Amino acid sequence: MSKVGGNIPNPECNSEYSFIRNYDVTDRSKESSFIRAIRSVQNARRTCQLPVKIDFYMQALQCLFALEGNRSTQIEKMLASTAINILKISGENEKDVVKQNFKLAFRIRSKHTHGNKITYSDNEISAVSVKIDEYVREIIKIVFENKALDYSSKNEAKKVAKYFSNINKKTVNSKQKNVLPFTFLFYKNKRKR
């Protein structure tokens, strides 16, 4: 049994995508975005409290899409539109469903995070939790294919945020449906870790 404040193991995690050395239990900024997103998904899957689960899923997506420093309403809309574009959802009804799911999930998350009473029914919370889980699983499969989207620094995060912002702009402005340019042109050199 270890005592509080005693030696905390420093696991070394390696993968084809990312790695961390000397894991710091208080500073997640030393981890790559893919590792942080996976940790949030793992935390979501461990909990049986649905509002907490939804909160962790939202954290994972915000991390993957490098959404930081925006107002909550902006983040909610950006999460939904980026998910729609990455998942190549084309029908207007389907898009509306995804937007509503993200809106509800974000409101549940906000109420939970700020300690407010969650006024939605158990069925609503359960259903949106399942849908957000489905979206997150598919988004991770797609985003993790592009290793250049794994960021560790503020500068890299800005480039990733710009990349996803451009996807949203190009999809809105494009006459072709479901075009997602997964070419990360502004990312010229491979990062060394």
C-alpha atoms as a PDB file:
ATOM      1  CA  MET A   1       0.000   0.000   0.000  1.00  0.00           C
ATOM      2  CA  SER A   2       1.429   3.361  -0.959  1.00  0.00           C
ATOM      3  CA  LYS A   3       1.004   6.387   1.217  1.00  0.00           C
ATOM      4  CA  VAL A   4      -0.493   9.642   0.005  1.00  0.00           C
ATOM      5  CA  GLY A   5       2.208  11.777  -1.543  1.00  0.00           C
ATOM      6  CA  GLY A   6       4.481   8.765  -1.811  1.00  0.00           C
ATOM      7  CA  ASN A   7       6.099   7.476  -4.933  1.00  0.00           C
ATOM      8  CA  ILE A   8       3.743   7.713  -7.869  1.00  0.00           C
ATOM      9  CA  PRO A   9       4.640   5.436 -10.749  1.00  0.00           C
ATOM     10  CA  ASN A  10       5.624   7.129 -13.986  1.00  0.00           C
ATOM     11  CA  PRO A  11       4.258   4.883 -16.702  1.00  0.00           C
ATOM     12  CA  GLU A  12       5.765   5.018 -20.137  1.00  0.00           C
ATOM     13  CA  CYS A  13       3.086   4.784 -22.791  1.00  0.00           C
ATOM     14  CA  ASN A  14       4.056   4.197 -26.384  1.00  0.00           C
ATOM     15  CA  SER A  15       2.003   3.888 -29.506  1.00  0.00           C
ATOM     16  CA  GLU A  16       2.381   4.418 -33.184  1.00  0.00           C
ATOM     17  CA  TYR A  17       0.727   7.828 -32.695  1.00  0.00           C
ATOM     18  CA  SER A  18       1.980   9.320 -29.485  1.00  0.00           C
ATOM     19  CA  PHE A  19       3.944   8.737 -26.373  1.00  0.00           C
ATOM     20  CA  ILE A  20       4.570  10.190 -22.975  1.00  0.00           C
ATOM     21  CA  ARG A  21       7.458   9.758 -20.613  1.00  0.00           C
ATOM     22  CA  ASN A  22       7.474  10.584 -16.958  1.00  0.00           C
ATOM     23  CA  TYR A  23       3.711  10.943 -16.751  1.00  0.00           C
ATOM     24  CA  ASP A  24       2.810  13.863 -14.527  1.00  0.00           C
ATOM     25  CA  VAL A  25      -0.407  13.307 -12.582  1.00  0.00           C
ATOM     26  CA  THR A  26      -1.057  17.046 -12.274  1.00  0.00           C
ATOM     27  CA  ASP A  27      -0.025  18.415 -15.667  1.00  0.00           C
ATOM     28  CA  ARG A  28      -1.739  16.870 -18.687  1.00  0.00           C
ATOM     29  CA  SER A  29      -0.177  19.410 -21.039  1.00  0.00           C
ATOM     30  CA  LYS A  30       2.877  17.154 -21.292  1.00  0.00           C
ATOM     31  CA  GLU A  31       0.765  14.542 -23.052  1.00  0.00           C
ATOM     32  CA  SER A  32      -0.118  14.616 -26.725  1.00  0.00           C
ATOM     33  CA  SER A  33      -3.678  15.461 -27.722  1.00  0.00           C
ATOM     34  CA  PHE A  34      -4.417  11.876 -28.768  1.00  0.00           C
ATOM     35  CA  ILE A  35      -3.337  10.582 -25.343  1.00  0.00           C
ATOM     36  CA  ARG A  36      -5.429  13.242 -23.552  1.00  0.00           C
ATOM     37  CA  ALA A  37      -8.466  12.420 -25.689  1.00  0.00           C
ATOM     38  CA  ILE A  38      -8.103   8.683 -25.045  1.00  0.00           C
ATOM     39  CA  ARG A  39      -7.770   9.311 -21.299  1.00  0.00           C
ATOM     40  CA  SER A  40     -11.021  11.300 -21.369  1.00  0.00           C
ATOM     41  CA  VAL A  41     -12.776   8.503 -23.282  1.00  0.00           C
ATOM     42  CA  GLN A  42     -11.451   5.931 -20.812  1.00  0.00           C
ATOM     43  CA  ASN A  43     -12.748   8.034 -17.924  1.00  0.00           C
ATOM     44  CA  ALA A  44     -16.123   8.325 -19.665  1.00  0.00           C
ATOM     45  CA  ARG A  45     -16.394   4.580 -20.076  1.00  0.00           C
ATOM     46  CA  ARG A  46     -15.427   3.932 -16.450  1.00  0.00           C
ATOM     47  CA  THR A  47     -18.187   6.009 -14.916  1.00  0.00           C
ATOM     48  CA  CYS A  48     -21.805   5.003 -14.538  1.00  0.00           C
ATOM     49  CA  GLN A  49     -22.945   8.605 -13.994  1.00  0.00           C
ATOM     50  CA  LEU A  50     -24.227   9.688 -17.381  1.00  0.00           C
ATOM     51  CA  PRO A  51     -23.667  13.450 -16.962  1.00  0.00           C
ATOM     52  CA  VAL A  52     -20.041  12.728 -16.017  1.00  0.00           C
ATOM     53  CA  LYS A  53     -19.734  10.388 -19.008  1.00  0.00           C
ATOM     54  CA  ILE A  54     -21.057  13.113 -21.331  1.00  0.00           C
ATOM     55  CA  ASP A  55     -18.654  15.637 -19.786  1.00  0.00           C
ATOM     56  CA  PHE A  56     -15.663  13.392 -20.516  1.00  0.00           C
ATOM     57  CA  TYR A  57     -16.821  12.780 -24.087  1.00  0.00           C
ATOM     58  CA  MET A  58     -17.091  16.525 -24.667  1.00  0.00           C
ATOM     59  CA  GLN A  59     -13.586  16.961 -23.219  1.00  0.00           C
ATOM     60  CA  ALA A  60     -12.238  14.327 -25.622  1.00  0.00           C
ATOM     61  CA  LEU A  61     -13.744  16.077 -28.649  1.00  0.00           C
ATOM     62  CA  GLN A  62     -12.619  19.520 -27.515  1.00  0.00           C
ATOM     63  CA  CYS A  63      -9.125  18.116 -27.153  1.00  0.00           C
ATOM     64  CA  LEU A  64      -9.129  16.453 -30.580  1.00  0.00           C
ATOM     65  CA  PHE A  65     -10.463  19.562 -32.309  1.00  0.00           C
ATOM     66  CA  ALA A  66      -8.145  21.892 -30.303  1.00  0.00           C
ATOM     67  CA  LEU A  67     -11.038  24.015 -29.087  1.00  0.00           C
ATOM     68  CA  GLU A  68      -9.752  26.283 -26.381  1.00  0.00           C
ATOM     69  CA  GLY A  69     -10.489  29.825 -25.387  1.00  0.00           C
ATOM     70  CA  ASN A  70     -13.944  30.002 -26.977  1.00  0.00           C
ATOM     71  CA  ARG A  71     -17.259  30.750 -25.316  1.00  0.00           C
ATOM     72  CA  SER A  72     -19.450  27.768 -24.469  1.00  0.00           C
ATOM     73  CA  THR A  73     -21.994  28.534 -27.173  1.00  0.00           C
ATOM     74  CA  GLN A  74     -19.218  28.710 -29.762  1.00  0.00           C
ATOM     75  CA  ILE A  75     -17.718  25.434 -28.574  1.00  0.00           C
ATOM     76  CA  GLU A  76     -21.106  23.704 -28.712  1.00  0.00           C
ATOM     77  CA  LYS A  77     -21.663  24.826 -32.311  1.00  0.00           C
ATOM     78  CA  MET A  78     -18.097  24.064 -33.366  1.00  0.00           C
ATOM     79  CA  LEU A  79     -18.258  20.558 -31.884  1.00  0.00           C
ATOM     80  CA  ALA A  80     -21.490  19.821 -33.729  1.00  0.00           C
ATOM     81  CA  SER A  81     -20.423  21.267 -37.077  1.00  0.00           C
ATOM     82  CA  THR A  82     -16.993  19.619 -36.972  1.00  0.00           C
ATOM     83  CA  ALA A  83     -18.543  16.270 -36.061  1.00  0.00           C
ATOM     84  CA  ILE A  84     -21.046  16.595 -38.906  1.00  0.00           C
ATOM     85  CA  ASN A  85     -18.265  17.350 -41.382  1.00  0.00           C
ATOM     86  CA  ILE A  86     -15.863  14.668 -40.178  1.00  0.00           C
ATOM     87  CA  LEU A  87     -18.598  12.035 -40.110  1.00  0.00           C
ATOM     88  CA  LYS A  88     -19.763  13.157 -43.573  1.00  0.00           C
ATOM     89  CA  ILE A  89     -23.367  13.568 -42.517  1.00  0.00           C
ATOM     90  CA  SER A  90     -25.208  14.988 -45.508  1.00  0.00           C
ATOM     91  CA  GLY A  91     -28.969  14.901 -44.983  1.00  0.00           C
ATOM     92  CA  GLU A  92     -30.496  17.994 -43.414  1.00  0.00           C
ATOM     93  CA  ASN A  93     -32.592  15.910 -41.000  1.00  0.00           C
ATOM     94  CA  GLU A  94     -29.522  13.938 -39.945  1.00  0.00           C
ATOM     95  CA  LYS A  95     -27.563  17.152 -39.445  1.00  0.00           C
ATOM     96  CA  ASP A  96     -30.354  18.579 -37.304  1.00  0.00           C
ATOM     97  CA  VAL A  97     -30.379  15.437 -35.150  1.00  0.00           C
ATOM     98  CA  VAL A  98     -26.616  15.665 -34.587  1.00  0.00           C
ATOM     99  CA  LYS A  99     -26.873  19.368 -33.743  1.00  0.00           C
ATOM    100  CA  GLN A 100     -29.682  18.673 -31.255  1.00  0.00           C
ATOM    101  CA  ASN A 101     -27.703  15.835 -29.664  1.00  0.00           C
ATOM    102  CA  PHE A 102     -24.668  18.073 -29.191  1.00  0.00           C
ATOM    103  CA  LYS A 103     -26.828  20.911 -27.897  1.00  0.00           C
ATOM    104  CA  LEU A 104     -28.448  18.647 -25.317  1.00  0.00           C
ATOM    105  CA  ALA A 105     -25.141  16.997 -24.382  1.00  0.00           C
ATOM    106  CA  PHE A 106     -23.464  20.353 -23.932  1.00  0.00           C
ATOM    107  CA  ARG A 107     -26.313  21.636 -21.760  1.00  0.00           C
ATOM    108  CA  ILE A 108     -26.202  18.499 -19.606  1.00  0.00           C
ATOM    109  CA  ARG A 109     -22.454  18.915 -19.306  1.00  0.00           C
ATOM    110  CA  SER A 110     -22.788  22.579 -18.364  1.00  0.00           C
ATOM    111  CA  LYS A 111     -25.438  21.933 -15.712  1.00  0.00           C
ATOM    112  CA  HIS A 112     -23.390  19.089 -14.265  1.00  0.00           C
ATOM    113  CA  THR A 113     -20.112  21.013 -14.287  1.00  0.00           C
ATOM    114  CA  HIS A 114     -21.618  24.087 -12.615  1.00  0.00           C
ATOM    115  CA  GLY A 115     -23.524  22.062 -10.025  1.00  0.00           C
ATOM    116  CA  ASN A 116     -26.964  22.984 -11.317  1.00  0.00           C
ATOM    117  CA  LYS A 117     -29.928  20.649 -11.270  1.00  0.00           C
ATOM    118  CA  ILE A 118     -30.162  18.601 -14.445  1.00  0.00           C
ATOM    119  CA  THR A 119     -33.764  18.935 -15.556  1.00  0.00           C
ATOM    120  CA  TYR A 120     -33.702  16.436 -18.418  1.00  0.00           C
ATOM    121  CA  SER A 121     -35.280  13.004 -18.096  1.00  0.00           C
ATOM    122  CA  ASP A 122     -33.215   9.880 -17.525  1.00  0.00           C
ATOM    123  CA  ASN A 123     -34.277   8.662 -20.968  1.00  0.00           C
ATOM    124  CA  GLU A 124     -33.081  11.866 -22.658  1.00  0.00           C
ATOM    125  CA  ILE A 125     -29.745  11.761 -20.850  1.00  0.00           C
ATOM    126  CA  SER A 126     -29.266   8.066 -21.577  1.00  0.00           C
ATOM    127  CA  ALA A 127     -30.134   8.421 -25.254  1.00  0.00           C
ATOM    128  CA  VAL A 128     -27.827  11.399 -25.824  1.00  0.00           C
ATOM    129  CA  SER A 129     -25.019   9.654 -23.949  1.00  0.00           C
ATOM    130  CA  VAL A 130     -25.263   6.674 -26.311  1.00  0.00           C
ATOM    131  CA  LYS A 131     -25.322   8.917 -29.402  1.00  0.00           C
ATOM    132  CA  ILE A 132     -22.342  10.995 -28.249  1.00  0.00           C
ATOM    133  CA  ASP A 133     -20.447   7.779 -27.525  1.00  0.00           C
ATOM    134  CA  GLU A 134     -21.146   6.616 -31.095  1.00  0.00           C
ATOM    135  CA  TYR A 135     -19.973   9.927 -32.549  1.00  0.00           C
ATOM    136  CA  VAL A 136     -16.793   9.919 -30.454  1.00  0.00           C
ATOM    137  CA  ARG A 137     -15.901   6.357 -31.498  1.00  0.00           C
ATOM    138  CA  GLU A 138     -16.235   7.183 -35.197  1.00  0.00           C
ATOM    139  CA  ILE A 139     -14.462  10.533 -34.913  1.00  0.00           C
ATOM    140  CA  ILE A 140     -11.514   8.948 -33.125  1.00  0.00           C
ATOM    141  CA  LYS A 141     -11.182   6.339 -35.875  1.00  0.00           C
ATOM    142  CA  ILE A 142     -11.089   9.064 -38.513  1.00  0.00           C
ATOM    143  CA  VAL A 143      -8.920  11.652 -36.723  1.00  0.00           C
ATOM    144  CA  PHE A 144      -6.353   9.126 -35.479  1.00  0.00           C
ATOM    145  CA  GLU A 145      -5.623   8.141 -39.081  1.00  0.00           C
ATOM    146  CA  ASN A 146      -4.025  11.560 -39.554  1.00  0.00           C
ATOM    147  CA  LYS A 147      -1.039  11.592 -37.205  1.00  0.00           C
ATOM    148  CA  ALA A 148      -0.362  15.231 -38.009  1.00  0.00           C
ATOM    149  CA  LEU A 149      -3.483  16.131 -36.003  1.00  0.00           C
ATOM    150  CA  ASP A 150      -1.813  14.921 -32.794  1.00  0.00           C
ATOM    151  CA  TYR A 151      -0.485  18.052 -31.105  1.00  0.00           C
ATOM    152  CA  SER A 152       1.523  18.776 -27.972  1.00  0.00           C
ATOM    153  CA  SER A 153       2.340  22.476 -28.094  1.00  0.00           C
ATOM    154  CA  LYS A 154       0.248  25.643 -28.266  1.00  0.00           C
ATOM    155  CA  ASN A 155       1.530  26.371 -31.781  1.00  0.00           C
ATOM    156  CA  GLU A 156       0.593  22.895 -32.988  1.00  0.00           C
ATOM    157  CA  ALA A 157      -2.818  23.254 -31.303  1.00  0.00           C
ATOM    158  CA  LYS A 158      -3.433  26.503 -33.195  1.00  0.00           C
ATOM    159  CA  LYS A 159      -2.650  24.749 -36.476  1.00  0.00           C
ATOM    160  CA  VAL A 160      -4.988  21.872 -35.647  1.00  0.00           C
ATOM    161  CA  ALA A 161      -7.755  24.292 -34.618  1.00  0.00           C
ATOM    162  CA  LYS A 162      -7.271  26.174 -37.892  1.00  0.00           C
ATOM    163  CA  TYR A 163      -7.382  22.892 -39.811  1.00  0.00           C
ATOM    164  CA  PHE A 164     -10.752  21.928 -38.329  1.00  0.00           C
ATOM    165  CA  SER A 165     -12.046  25.469 -38.768  1.00  0.00           C
ATOM    166  CA  ASN A 166     -11.075  25.281 -42.443  1.00  0.00           C
ATOM    167  CA  ILE A 167     -12.877  21.959 -42.804  1.00  0.00           C
ATOM    168  CA  ASN A 168     -16.038  23.636 -41.551  1.00  0.00           C
ATOM    169  CA  LYS A 169     -15.573  26.624 -43.869  1.00  0.00           C
ATOM    170  CA  LYS A 170     -14.740  24.502 -46.920  1.00  0.00           C
ATOM    171  CA  THR A 171     -17.699  22.235 -46.356  1.00  0.00           C
ATOM    172  CA  VAL A 172     -20.047  25.193 -46.023  1.00  0.00           C
ATOM    173  CA  ASN A 173     -18.585  26.907 -49.103  1.00  0.00           C
ATOM    174  CA  SER A 174     -18.104  23.790 -51.190  1.00  0.00           C
ATOM    175  CA  LYS A 175     -20.664  22.846 -53.809  1.00  0.00           C
ATOM    176  CA  GLN A 176     -19.566  19.235 -53.521  1.00  0.00           C
ATOM    177  CA  LYS A 177     -21.010  17.387 -50.569  1.00  0.00           C
ATOM    178  CA  ASN A 178     -18.930  15.330 -48.167  1.00  0.00           C
ATOM    179  CA  VAL A 179     -15.546  16.658 -49.217  1.00  0.00           C
ATOM    180  CA  LEU A 180     -13.063  16.460 -46.370  1.00  0.00           C
ATOM    181  CA  PRO A 181      -9.521  17.367 -47.346  1.00  0.00           C
ATOM    182  CA  PHE A 182      -7.437  15.351 -44.908  1.00  0.00           C
ATOM    183  CA  THR A 183      -4.242  16.817 -46.265  1.00  0.00           C
ATOM    184  CA  PHE A 184      -2.502  18.745 -43.580  1.00  0.00           C
ATOM    185  CA  LEU A 185      -0.614  21.085 -45.907  1.00  0.00           C
ATOM    186  CA  PHE A 186       0.707  23.548 -43.368  1.00  0.00           C
ATOM    187  CA  TYR A 187       2.279  20.771 -41.355  1.00  0.00           C
ATOM    188  CA  LYS A 188       5.565  20.258 -43.199  1.00  0.00           C
ATOM    189  CA  ASN A 189       7.914  18.587 -40.753  1.00  0.00           C
ATOM    190  CA  LYS A 190       7.299  15.557 -38.618  1.00  0.00           C
ATOM    191  CA  ARG A 191       7.518  16.384 -34.963  1.00  0.00           C
ATOM    192  CA  LYS A 192      10.274  14.762 -32.967  1.00  0.00           C
ATOM    193  CA  ARG A 193       9.517  13.544 -29.510  1.00  0.00           C
END
